[in-house]
C-alpha atoms as a PDB file:
ATOM      1  CA  MET A   1     -10.637  16.558   9.745  1.00  0.00           C
ATOM      2  CA  THR A   2     -10.789  12.824   8.967  1.00  0.00           C
ATOM      3  CA  TYR A   3      -7.616  10.717   8.561  1.00  0.00           C
ATOM      4  CA  GLU A   4      -8.483  10.262   4.881  1.00  0.00           C
ATOM      5  CA  LYS A   5      -8.661  14.021   4.270  1.00  0.00           C
ATOM      6  CA  LEU A   6      -5.507  14.598   6.295  1.00  0.00           C
ATOM      7  CA  GLY A   7      -3.792  11.865   4.304  1.00  0.00           C
ATOM      8  CA  GLY A   8      -4.753  13.579   1.053  1.00  0.00           C
ATOM      9  CA  LEU A   9      -3.451  16.927   2.285  1.00  0.00           C
ATOM     10  CA  LEU A  10      -0.173  15.396   3.431  1.00  0.00           C
ATOM     11  CA  ALA A  11       0.189  13.566   0.129  1.00  0.00           C
ATOM     12  CA  ALA A  12      -0.197  16.804  -1.813  1.00  0.00           C
ATOM     13  CA  VAL A  13       2.387  18.552   0.328  1.00  0.00           C
ATOM     14  CA  LEU A  14       4.834  15.661   0.144  1.00  0.00           C
ATOM     15  CA  LEU A  15       4.570  15.329  -3.617  1.00  0.00           C
ATOM     16  CA  CYS A  16       5.000  19.030  -4.314  1.00  0.00           C
ATOM     17  CA  TRP A  17       7.502  20.047  -1.639  1.00  0.00           C
ATOM     18  CA  PRO A  18      10.765  18.995  -3.379  1.00  0.00           C
ATOM     19  CA  SER A  19       9.829  21.028  -6.452  1.00  0.00           C
ATOM     20  CA  LEU A  20       9.218  24.146  -4.359  1.00  0.00           C
ATOM     21  CA  GLY A  21      12.923  24.798  -3.945  1.00  0.00           C
ATOM     22  CA  VAL A  22      13.585  23.329  -0.505  1.00  0.00           C
ATOM     23  CA  ALA A  23      17.363  23.384  -0.442  1.00  0.00           C
ATOM     24  CA  ALA A  24      19.282  20.153  -0.186  1.00  0.00           C
ATOM     25  CA  ASP A  25      23.021  20.181   0.287  1.00  0.00           C
ATOM     26  CA  ALA A  26      24.841  21.311  -2.882  1.00  0.00           C
ATOM     27  CA  ARG A  27      26.385  17.849  -3.134  1.00  0.00           C
ATOM     28  CA  LEU A  28      23.017  16.290  -4.034  1.00  0.00           C
ATOM     29  CA  GLU A  29      20.660  17.044  -6.894  1.00  0.00           C
ATOM     30  CA  PHE A  30      17.017  16.043  -6.554  1.00  0.00           C
ATOM     31  CA  VAL A  31      15.916  13.770  -9.421  1.00  0.00           C
ATOM     32  CA  GLY A  32      12.325  12.976  -8.540  1.00  0.00           C
ATOM     33  CA  SER A  33       9.749  11.356  -6.273  1.00  0.00           C
ATOM     34  CA  TYR A  34       7.246   8.735  -7.377  1.00  0.00           C
ATOM     35  CA  HIS A  35       4.112   7.841  -5.409  1.00  0.00           C
ATOM     36  CA  TRP A  36       3.682   4.060  -5.526  1.00  0.00           C
ATOM     37  CA  PRO A  37       0.001   3.363  -4.707  1.00  0.00           C
ATOM     38  CA  THR A  38      -0.856   0.555  -2.295  1.00  0.00           C
ATOM     39  CA  GLU A  39      -3.142  -1.077  -4.846  1.00  0.00           C
ATOM     40  CA  ASP A  40      -0.141  -1.488  -7.160  1.00  0.00           C
ATOM     41  CA  HIS A  41       2.172  -3.281  -4.724  1.00  0.00           C
ATOM     42  CA  GLY A  42      -0.206  -4.836  -2.177  1.00  0.00           C
ATOM     43  CA  ALA A  43       2.298  -4.588   0.660  1.00  0.00           C
ATOM     44  CA  GLY A  44       3.283  -1.365   2.422  1.00  0.00           C
ATOM     45  CA  GLY A  45       5.548  -0.899   5.402  1.00  0.00           C
ATOM     46  CA  PHE A  46       8.635  -0.954   3.173  1.00  0.00           C
ATOM     47  CA  SER A  47      11.838  -0.826   5.172  1.00  0.00           C
ATOM     48  CA  GLY A  48      14.568  -1.860   2.742  1.00  0.00           C
ATOM     49  CA  ILE A  49      15.407  -1.619  -0.957  1.00  0.00           C
ATOM     50  CA  GLU A  50      18.207  -2.776  -3.255  1.00  0.00           C
ATOM     51  CA  VAL A  51      18.617  -1.604  -6.855  1.00  0.00           C
ATOM     52  CA  SER A  52      20.472  -3.383  -9.659  1.00  0.00           C
ATOM     53  CA  PRO A  53      23.749  -1.821 -10.905  1.00  0.00           C
ATOM     54  CA  ASP A  54      21.971  -0.357 -13.955  1.00  0.00           C
ATOM     55  CA  GLY A  55      19.133   1.159 -11.897  1.00  0.00           C
ATOM     56  CA  LYS A  56      16.404  -0.807 -13.673  1.00  0.00           C
ATOM     57  CA  ALA A  57      15.470  -3.634 -11.286  1.00  0.00           C
ATOM     58  CA  PHE A  58      14.907  -3.652  -7.542  1.00  0.00           C
ATOM     59  CA  THR A  59      14.185  -5.822  -4.511  1.00  0.00           C
ATOM     60  CA  ALA A  60      12.197  -4.500  -1.535  1.00  0.00           C
ATOM     61  CA  ILE A  61      11.185  -5.884   1.856  1.00  0.00           C
ATOM     62  CA  SER A  62       8.303  -5.020   4.170  1.00  0.00           C
ATOM     63  CA  ASP A  63       7.975  -4.879   7.958  1.00  0.00           C
ATOM     64  CA  HIS A  64       5.566  -7.813   7.661  1.00  0.00           C
ATOM     65  CA  GLY A  65       8.392 -10.107   6.594  1.00  0.00           C
ATOM     66  CA  THR A  66       7.589 -10.089   2.890  1.00  0.00           C
ATOM     67  CA  LEU A  67       9.678  -9.517  -0.216  1.00  0.00           C
ATOM     68  CA  LEU A  68       8.948  -8.434  -3.760  1.00  0.00           C
ATOM     69  CA  THR A  69      10.980  -7.640  -6.857  1.00  0.00           C
ATOM     70  CA  GLY A  70      10.263  -5.403  -9.811  1.00  0.00           C
ATOM     71  CA  GLU A  71      11.446  -2.970 -12.448  1.00  0.00           C
ATOM     72  CA  PHE A  72      11.327   0.794 -12.876  1.00  0.00           C
ATOM     73  CA  GLU A  73      10.066   2.622 -15.939  1.00  0.00           C
ATOM     74  CA  ARG A  74      11.822   5.961 -16.428  1.00  0.00           C
ATOM     75  CA  ASP A  75      11.187   9.109 -18.450  1.00  0.00           C
ATOM     76  CA  ALA A  76      13.663   9.281 -21.325  1.00  0.00           C
ATOM     77  CA  ASN A  77      14.328  13.006 -20.798  1.00  0.00           C
ATOM     78  CA  THR A  78      14.308  13.492 -17.030  1.00  0.00           C
ATOM     79  CA  ASP A  79      15.267   9.932 -15.964  1.00  0.00           C
ATOM     80  CA  ARG A  80      12.557  10.120 -13.300  1.00  0.00           C
ATOM     81  CA  ILE A  81      10.611   7.018 -12.295  1.00  0.00           C
ATOM     82  CA  THR A  82       7.244   7.089 -14.066  1.00  0.00           C
ATOM     83  CA  ASP A  83       5.931   3.599 -13.315  1.00  0.00           C
ATOM     84  CA  VAL A  84       6.769   0.453 -11.357  1.00  0.00           C
ATOM     85  CA  ALA A  85       6.061  -3.171 -12.295  1.00  0.00           C
ATOM     86  CA  SER A  86       6.464  -5.685  -9.466  1.00  0.00           C
ATOM     87  CA  THR A  87       5.980  -9.353  -8.681  1.00  0.00           C
ATOM     88  CA  PRO A  88       3.407 -10.572  -6.165  1.00  0.00           C
ATOM     89  CA  VAL A  89       4.429 -10.287  -2.512  1.00  0.00           C
ATOM     90  CA  ARG A  90       6.209 -13.375  -1.143  1.00  0.00           C
ATOM     91  CA  GLY A  91       6.530 -14.282   2.529  1.00  0.00           C
ATOM     92  CA  LEU A  92       9.946 -14.841   4.098  1.00  0.00           C
ATOM     93  CA  GLN A  93      10.472 -17.891   6.279  1.00  0.00           C
ATOM     94  CA  ASN A  94      12.333 -18.253   9.560  1.00  0.00           C
ATOM     95  CA  ALA A  95      15.294 -20.591  10.120  1.00  0.00           C
ATOM     96  CA  ARG A  96      12.891 -23.498  10.744  1.00  0.00           C
ATOM     97  CA  GLY A  97      11.432 -23.080   7.289  1.00  0.00           C
ATOM     98  CA  THR A  98       8.024 -21.841   8.412  1.00  0.00           C
ATOM     99  CA  ARG A  99       6.105 -18.585   8.292  1.00  0.00           C
ATOM    100  CA  LYS A 100       4.791 -18.978  11.840  1.00  0.00           C
ATOM    101  CA  ASP A 101       6.388 -16.234  13.951  1.00  0.00           C
ATOM    102  CA  ALA A 102       8.842 -15.646  11.113  1.00  0.00           C
ATOM    103  CA  ASP A 103      11.218 -13.799  13.426  1.00  0.00           C
ATOM    104  CA  ARG A 104       8.209 -11.691  14.419  1.00  0.00           C
ATOM    105  CA  PHE A 105       7.865 -10.391  10.870  1.00  0.00           C
ATOM    106  CA  ASP A 106       9.943  -7.305  11.612  1.00  0.00           C
ATOM    107  CA  ALA A 107      12.212  -7.311   8.548  1.00  0.00           C
ATOM    108  CA  GLU A 108      14.210  -4.077   8.462  1.00  0.00           C
ATOM    109  CA  GLY A 109      17.569  -4.269   6.679  1.00  0.00           C
ATOM    110  CA  LEU A 110      18.215  -5.642   3.181  1.00  0.00           C
ATOM    111  CA  ALA A 111      21.391  -6.392   1.242  1.00  0.00           C
ATOM    112  CA  VAL A 112      21.768  -8.370  -1.995  1.00  0.00           C
ATOM    113  CA  ASP A 113      25.141  -9.843  -3.026  1.00  0.00           C
ATOM    114  CA  THR A 114      26.556 -10.269  -6.524  1.00  0.00           C
ATOM    115  CA  THR A 115      25.037 -13.760  -6.845  1.00  0.00           C
ATOM    116  CA  GLY A 116      21.552 -12.479  -6.094  1.00  0.00           C
ATOM    117  CA  ARG A 117      21.301 -13.849  -2.554  1.00  0.00           C
ATOM    118  CA  ALA A 118      19.217 -11.625  -0.299  1.00  0.00           C
ATOM    119  CA  PHE A 119      20.229 -10.985   3.313  1.00  0.00           C
ATOM    120  CA  VAL A 120      17.541  -9.636   5.647  1.00  0.00           C
ATOM    121  CA  SER A 121      17.950  -8.387   9.226  1.00  0.00           C
ATOM    122  CA  PHE A 122      15.059  -8.829  11.661  1.00  0.00           C
ATOM    123  CA  GLU A 123      14.905  -6.130  14.318  1.00  0.00           C
ATOM    124  CA  GLN A 124      12.966  -8.016  16.979  1.00  0.00           C
ATOM    125  CA  ALA A 125      15.003 -11.227  16.912  1.00  0.00           C
ATOM    126  CA  ASN A 126      18.268  -9.424  15.981  1.00  0.00           C
ATOM    127  CA  VAL A 127      19.146 -12.143  13.511  1.00  0.00           C
ATOM    128  CA  ILE A 128      20.175 -11.971   9.853  1.00  0.00           C
ATOM    129  CA  HIS A 129      18.966 -14.607   7.391  1.00  0.00           C
ATOM    130  CA  GLY A 130      20.522 -15.264   4.009  1.00  0.00           C
ATOM    131  CA  TYR A 131      18.015 -16.455   1.400  1.00  0.00           C
ATOM    132  CA  ASP A 132      19.167 -18.559  -1.563  1.00  0.00           C
ATOM    133  CA  SER A 133      15.689 -18.172  -3.030  1.00  0.00           C
ATOM    134  CA  PRO A 134      12.779 -15.969  -2.004  1.00  0.00           C
ATOM    135  CA  GLY A 135      11.458 -17.212   1.292  1.00  0.00           C
ATOM    136  CA  ARG A 136      13.928 -20.055   1.980  1.00  0.00           C
ATOM    137  CA  VAL A 137      16.722 -19.558   4.535  1.00  0.00           C
ATOM    138  CA  GLU A 138      20.159 -20.785   3.478  1.00  0.00           C
ATOM    139  CA  GLU A 139      22.161 -19.468   6.450  1.00  0.00           C
ATOM    140  CA  SER A 140      21.671 -17.370   9.576  1.00  0.00           C
ATOM    141  CA  PHE A 141      23.896 -14.995  11.543  1.00  0.00           C
ATOM    142  CA  THR A 142      23.675 -13.509  15.000  1.00  0.00           C
ATOM    143  CA  SER A 143      25.958 -12.405  17.830  1.00  0.00           C
ATOM    144  CA  ARG A 144      25.866 -12.062  21.596  1.00  0.00           C
ATOM    145  CA  ALA A 145      26.424  -8.340  21.108  1.00  0.00           C
ATOM    146  CA  PHE A 146      23.116  -8.110  19.239  1.00  0.00           C
ATOM    147  CA  LYS A 147      21.232  -9.459  22.258  1.00  0.00           C
ATOM    148  CA  ARG A 148      22.104  -6.293  24.192  1.00  0.00           C
ATOM    149  CA  LEU A 149      20.447  -3.978  21.683  1.00  0.00           C
ATOM    150  CA  GLN A 150      17.384  -1.978  22.702  1.00  0.00           C
ATOM    151  CA  THR A 151      13.942  -3.494  22.224  1.00  0.00           C
ATOM    152  CA  ASN A 152      12.437  -2.581  18.847  1.00  0.00           C
ATOM    153  CA  SER A 153      15.644  -0.706  17.985  1.00  0.00           C
ATOM    154  CA  GLY A 154      17.901  -3.525  16.853  1.00  0.00           C
ATOM    155  CA  LEU A 155      19.516  -4.351  13.520  1.00  0.00           C
ATOM    156  CA  GLU A 156      18.022  -1.776  11.195  1.00  0.00           C
ATOM    157  CA  ALA A 157      20.633  -1.144   8.484  1.00  0.00           C
ATOM    158  CA  LEU A 158      22.354  -3.859   6.468  1.00  0.00           C
ATOM    159  CA  ALA A 159      24.887  -3.538   3.658  1.00  0.00           C
ATOM    160  CA  ILE A 160      27.587  -5.472   1.795  1.00  0.00           C
ATOM    161  CA  ASP A 161      30.965  -3.807   1.257  1.00  0.00           C
ATOM    162  CA  ASN A 162      33.060  -4.111  -1.897  1.00  0.00           C
ATOM    163  CA  ALA A 163      34.932  -7.055  -0.372  1.00  0.00           C
ATOM    164  CA  GLY A 164      31.638  -8.949  -0.041  1.00  0.00           C
ATOM    165  CA  ARG A 165      31.397  -8.616   3.754  1.00  0.00           C
ATOM    166  CA  LEU A 166      28.112  -8.015   5.563  1.00  0.00           C
ATOM    167  CA  VAL A 167      27.885  -4.837   7.664  1.00  0.00           C
ATOM    168  CA  ALA A 168      25.121  -4.238  10.237  1.00  0.00           C
ATOM    169  CA  ILE A 169      24.129  -1.084  12.179  1.00  0.00           C
ATOM    170  CA  PRO A 170      21.399  -0.820  14.856  1.00  0.00           C
ATOM    171  CA  GLU A 171      18.648   1.803  14.844  1.00  0.00           C
ATOM    172  CA  ARG A 172      19.666   3.165  18.249  1.00  0.00           C
ATOM    173  CA  SER A 173      22.942   3.295  20.136  1.00  0.00           C
ATOM    174  CA  GLY A 174      21.572   3.534  23.697  1.00  0.00           C
ATOM    175  CA  LYS A 175      22.149   7.269  24.221  1.00  0.00           C
ATOM    176  CA  LEU A 176      21.473  10.362  22.116  1.00  0.00           C
ATOM    177  CA  THR A 177      25.169  11.190  21.739  1.00  0.00           C
ATOM    178  CA  ARG A 178      26.622   7.662  21.843  1.00  0.00           C
ATOM    179  CA  PRO A 179      27.972   6.618  18.413  1.00  0.00           C
ATOM    180  CA  PHE A 180      26.260   3.913  16.398  1.00  0.00           C
ATOM    181  CA  PRO A 181      28.288   0.689  16.493  1.00  0.00           C
ATOM    182  CA  LEU A 182      29.061  -0.837  13.106  1.00  0.00           C
ATOM    183  CA  TRP A 183      29.619  -4.590  12.974  1.00  0.00           C
ATOM    184  CA  ARG A 184      31.291  -6.432  10.086  1.00  0.00           C
ATOM    185  CA  LEU A 185      31.059 -10.163   9.427  1.00  0.00           C
ATOM    186  CA  GLU A 186      34.488 -11.690   8.903  1.00  0.00           C
ATOM    187  CA  ASN A 187      35.019 -15.452   8.566  1.00  0.00           C
ATOM    188  CA  GLY A 188      31.707 -16.160  10.255  1.00  0.00           C
ATOM    189  CA  THR A 189      32.306 -13.849  13.249  1.00  0.00           C
ATOM    190  CA  TRP A 190      30.931 -10.363  13.860  1.00  0.00           C
ATOM    191  CA  HIS A 191      33.514  -7.704  14.734  1.00  0.00           C
ATOM    192  CA  HIS A 192      32.813  -4.202  16.071  1.00  0.00           C
ATOM    193  CA  ARG A 193      35.191  -2.370  13.722  1.00  0.00           C
ATOM    194  CA  PHE A 194      33.804   1.155  13.579  1.00  0.00           C
ATOM    195  CA  ASP A 195      31.645   3.721  15.323  1.00  0.00           C
ATOM    196  CA  LEU A 196      29.550   6.274  13.458  1.00  0.00           C
ATOM    197  CA  ALA A 197      28.749   9.579  15.164  1.00  0.00           C
ATOM    198  CA  ARG A 198      25.186  10.186  16.329  1.00  0.00           C
ATOM    199  CA  SER A 199      23.615  13.635  16.635  1.00  0.00           C
ATOM    200  CA  GLY A 200      20.414  15.634  16.298  1.00  0.00           C
ATOM    201  CA  GLY A 201      18.163  12.820  17.473  1.00  0.00           C
ATOM    202  CA  PHE A 202      18.457  11.024  14.142  1.00  0.00           C
ATOM    203  CA  LEU A 203      18.079   7.231  14.112  1.00  0.00           C
ATOM    204  CA  MET A 204      19.796   4.872  11.687  1.00  0.00           C
ATOM    205  CA  VAL A 205      17.335   3.303   9.252  1.00  0.00           C
ATOM    206  CA  GLY A 206      19.283   2.251   6.147  1.00  0.00           C
ATOM    207  CA  ALA A 207      22.709   1.862   4.592  1.00  0.00           C
ATOM    208  CA  ASP A 208      24.344   0.797   1.347  1.00  0.00           C
ATOM    209  CA  PHE A 209      27.843   0.781  -0.126  1.00  0.00           C
ATOM    210  CA  GLY A 210      28.194   2.577  -3.420  1.00  0.00           C
ATOM    211  CA  PRO A 211      30.314   1.577  -6.409  1.00  0.00           C
ATOM    212  CA  ASP A 212      32.803   4.166  -5.111  1.00  0.00           C
ATOM    213  CA  GLY A 213      33.397   1.958  -2.054  1.00  0.00           C
ATOM    214  CA  LYS A 214      31.883   4.498   0.345  1.00  0.00           C
ATOM    215  CA  LEU A 215      29.088   3.809   2.823  1.00  0.00           C
ATOM    216  CA  TYR A 216      25.914   5.864   2.400  1.00  0.00           C
ATOM    217  CA  THR A 217      23.662   5.940   5.454  1.00  0.00           C
ATOM    218  CA  LEU A 218      20.031   6.998   5.760  1.00  0.00           C
ATOM    219  CA  GLU A 219      18.820   8.412   9.085  1.00  0.00           C
ATOM    220  CA  ARG A 220      15.432   9.632  10.250  1.00  0.00           C
ATOM    221  CA  VAL A 221      13.980  11.748  13.039  1.00  0.00           C
ATOM    222  CA  PHE A 222      10.305  12.159  13.945  1.00  0.00           C
ATOM    223  CA  SER A 223       9.411  15.535  15.430  1.00  0.00           C
ATOM    224  CA  GLY A 224       5.864  14.677  16.469  1.00  0.00           C
ATOM    225  CA  TRP A 225       4.536  16.470  13.380  1.00  0.00           C
ATOM    226  CA  GLY A 226       6.466  14.766  10.633  1.00  0.00           C
ATOM    227  CA  PHE A 227       9.704  13.197   9.472  1.00  0.00           C
ATOM    228  CA  ARG A 228      13.089  14.587   8.511  1.00  0.00           C
ATOM    229  CA  SER A 229      15.812  12.567   6.806  1.00  0.00           C
ATOM    230  CA  ARG A 230      19.584  12.754   6.742  1.00  0.00           C
ATOM    231  CA  ILE A 231      22.007  11.152   4.285  1.00  0.00           C
ATOM    232  CA  ARG A 232      25.685  10.744   5.145  1.00  0.00           C
ATOM    233  CA  ARG A 233      28.638   9.429   3.151  1.00  0.00           C
ATOM    234  CA  ILE A 234      31.317   7.583   5.117  1.00  0.00           C
ATOM    235  CA  THR A 235      34.808   7.011   3.719  1.00  0.00           C
ATOM    236  CA  PHE A 236      37.055   4.286   5.132  1.00  0.00           C
ATOM    237  CA  GLU A 237      40.759   3.592   4.854  1.00  0.00           C
ATOM    238  CA  GLY A 238      41.564   0.229   6.367  1.00  0.00           C
ATOM    239  CA  ASP A 239      39.813   0.144   9.729  1.00  0.00           C
ATOM    240  CA  GLN A 240      39.616   3.923  10.082  1.00  0.00           C
ATOM    241  CA  VAL A 241      36.848   6.374   9.217  1.00  0.00           C
ATOM    242  CA  THR A 242      38.598   9.153   7.304  1.00  0.00           C
ATOM    243  CA  GLU A 243      35.586  11.240   6.246  1.00  0.00           C
ATOM    244  CA  ASP A 244      32.014  11.545   7.502  1.00  0.00           C
ATOM    245  CA  LEU A 245      30.147  13.909   5.212  1.00  0.00           C
ATOM    246  CA  THR A 246      26.496  14.968   5.511  1.00  0.00           C
ATOM    247  CA  LEU A 247      25.020  15.120   2.004  1.00  0.00           C
ATOM    248  CA  LEU A 248      21.451  16.030   2.944  1.00  0.00           C
ATOM    249  CA  GLU A 249      19.283  17.064   5.874  1.00  0.00           C
ATOM    250  CA  SER A 250      15.740  17.356   4.617  1.00  0.00           C
ATOM    251  CA  ALA A 251      13.165  19.834   5.819  1.00  0.00           C
ATOM    252  CA  LEU A 252      10.117  18.699   7.770  1.00  0.00           C
ATOM    253  CA  TRP A 253       7.721  16.912   5.385  1.00  0.00           C
ATOM    254  CA  GLN A 254      10.087  17.399   2.460  1.00  0.00           C
ATOM    255  CA  HIS A 255       9.881  13.630   2.110  1.00  0.00           C
ATOM    256  CA  ASP A 256       7.824  10.922   3.714  1.00  0.00           C
ATOM    257  CA  ASN A 257       9.113   8.312   6.195  1.00  0.00           C
ATOM    258  CA  LEU A 258      12.203   7.241   4.216  1.00  0.00           C
ATOM    259  CA  GLU A 259      13.599   3.930   5.517  1.00  0.00           C
ATOM    260  CA  GLY A 260      15.499   2.131   2.752  1.00  0.00           C
ATOM    261  CA  ILE A 261      18.394   3.325   0.573  1.00  0.00           C
ATOM    262  CA  ALA A 262      20.148   1.848  -2.463  1.00  0.00           C
ATOM    263  CA  VAL A 263      23.245   3.273  -4.185  1.00  0.00           C
ATOM    264  CA  TRP A 264      24.118   2.663  -7.840  1.00  0.00           C
ATOM    265  CA  GLN A 265      25.796   4.359 -10.825  1.00  0.00           C
ATOM    266  CA  ASP A 266      23.862   5.702 -13.804  1.00  0.00           C
ATOM    267  CA  SER A 267      24.883   5.687 -17.468  1.00  0.00           C
ATOM    268  CA  SER A 268      26.519   9.112 -17.050  1.00  0.00           C
ATOM    269  CA  GLY A 269      28.792   7.780 -14.327  1.00  0.00           C
ATOM    270  CA  ASP A 270      27.015   9.644 -11.524  1.00  0.00           C
ATOM    271  CA  ILE A 271      26.284   8.049  -8.163  1.00  0.00           C
ATOM    272  CA  ARG A 272      22.532   7.726  -7.653  1.00  0.00           C
ATOM    273  CA  LEU A 273      20.558   7.245  -4.441  1.00  0.00           C
ATOM    274  CA  THR A 274      17.167   5.524  -4.550  1.00  0.00           C
ATOM    275  CA  MET A 275      15.113   5.541  -1.339  1.00  0.00           C
ATOM    276  CA  ILE A 276      11.775   4.050  -0.328  1.00  0.00           C
ATOM    277  CA  SER A 277       9.377   5.226   2.382  1.00  0.00           C
ATOM    278  CA  ASP A 278       7.537   3.204   5.016  1.00  0.00           C
ATOM    279  CA  ASP A 279       3.831   4.032   5.238  1.00  0.00           C
ATOM    280  CA  ASN A 280       3.520   2.203   8.590  1.00  0.00           C
ATOM    281  CA  PHE A 281       0.335   0.715   7.132  1.00  0.00           C
ATOM    282  CA  ARG A 282      -1.470   4.014   7.828  1.00  0.00           C
ATOM    283  CA  SER A 283      -3.533   6.073   5.396  1.00  0.00           C
ATOM    284  CA  VAL A 284      -1.830   9.336   6.433  1.00  0.00           C
ATOM    285  CA  LEU A 285       1.475   8.049   5.025  1.00  0.00           C
ATOM    286  CA  GLN A 286       2.325   6.780   1.556  1.00  0.00           C
ATOM    287  CA  THR A 287       4.937   4.729  -0.281  1.00  0.00           C
ATOM    288  CA  HIS A 288       7.298   7.020  -2.167  1.00  0.00           C
ATOM    289  CA  LEU A 289      10.380   6.248  -4.248  1.00  0.00           C
ATOM    290  CA  VAL A 290      12.740   9.215  -3.925  1.00  0.00           C
ATOM    291  CA  GLU A 291      15.905   9.688  -5.967  1.00  0.00           C
ATOM    292  CA  TYR A 292      18.921  11.989  -5.762  1.00  0.00           C
ATOM    293  CA  ARG A 293      22.094  12.326  -7.794  1.00  0.00           C
ATOM    294  CA  VAL A 294      25.490  12.969  -6.161  1.00  0.00           C
ATOM    295  CA  VAL A 295      26.991  15.927  -8.037  1.00  0.00           C
ATOM    296  CA  ASP A 296      30.388  16.481  -6.411  1.00  0.00           C
END
């Protein structure tokens, strides 16, 4: 079977699987999955997404160090995404203001603050750039602790808490049962404030704070045949983790290679999760926008 035929078969399975009754945790309700064709966005390799508070607009980054913005069109009855309109892809610069070796083009984590500034973590260089406009670096952050992270498994998840502080989590922790370290930027210095449990071979790929003040993390495991995803909700009190709740562990191929997560609140007051998949620039994978509603 050719890769193209296999890609078509996988696409059919991935698009239909959620509607076939694969059980998610009772705390989440599946809203929908939208296939975003490559010819519509011209990028691929999406690794991070942020959604506006009203769920209409979004910002996304690609592994190739590019960024685009856009808007969702939704069905009036089901609230599912039915179409996406986006800007042309724009290249992100490095701290020197050039695209040459722009931190090896491995953009992974994305967070957008209330002023619209975008912060992007680069996994190879283990640096975070803050962009005051698309492509132009305003400030950069790194730490000696980041230099000890595993190759190609560095700063993968980036988020901003309700106090406006950047939070960064690496893809790997160094051992299968070693907790993921969580760093928080305070007064220009990174502090290792928390650890998040690691289990089941899952790797950290995305994170976002919701309007409820809780941290929602997206994890992924590759079995050799396909991907599974896990969503957790972390509750903090001061500098203590008081609750670590698994909201979803997907079945094999239930979704594609989900890598980015955004948390927002819909008009009904429900917490919504919007995720984007990374096609790894391969025809056997696709870009999907997957949404769930928190129902507890």
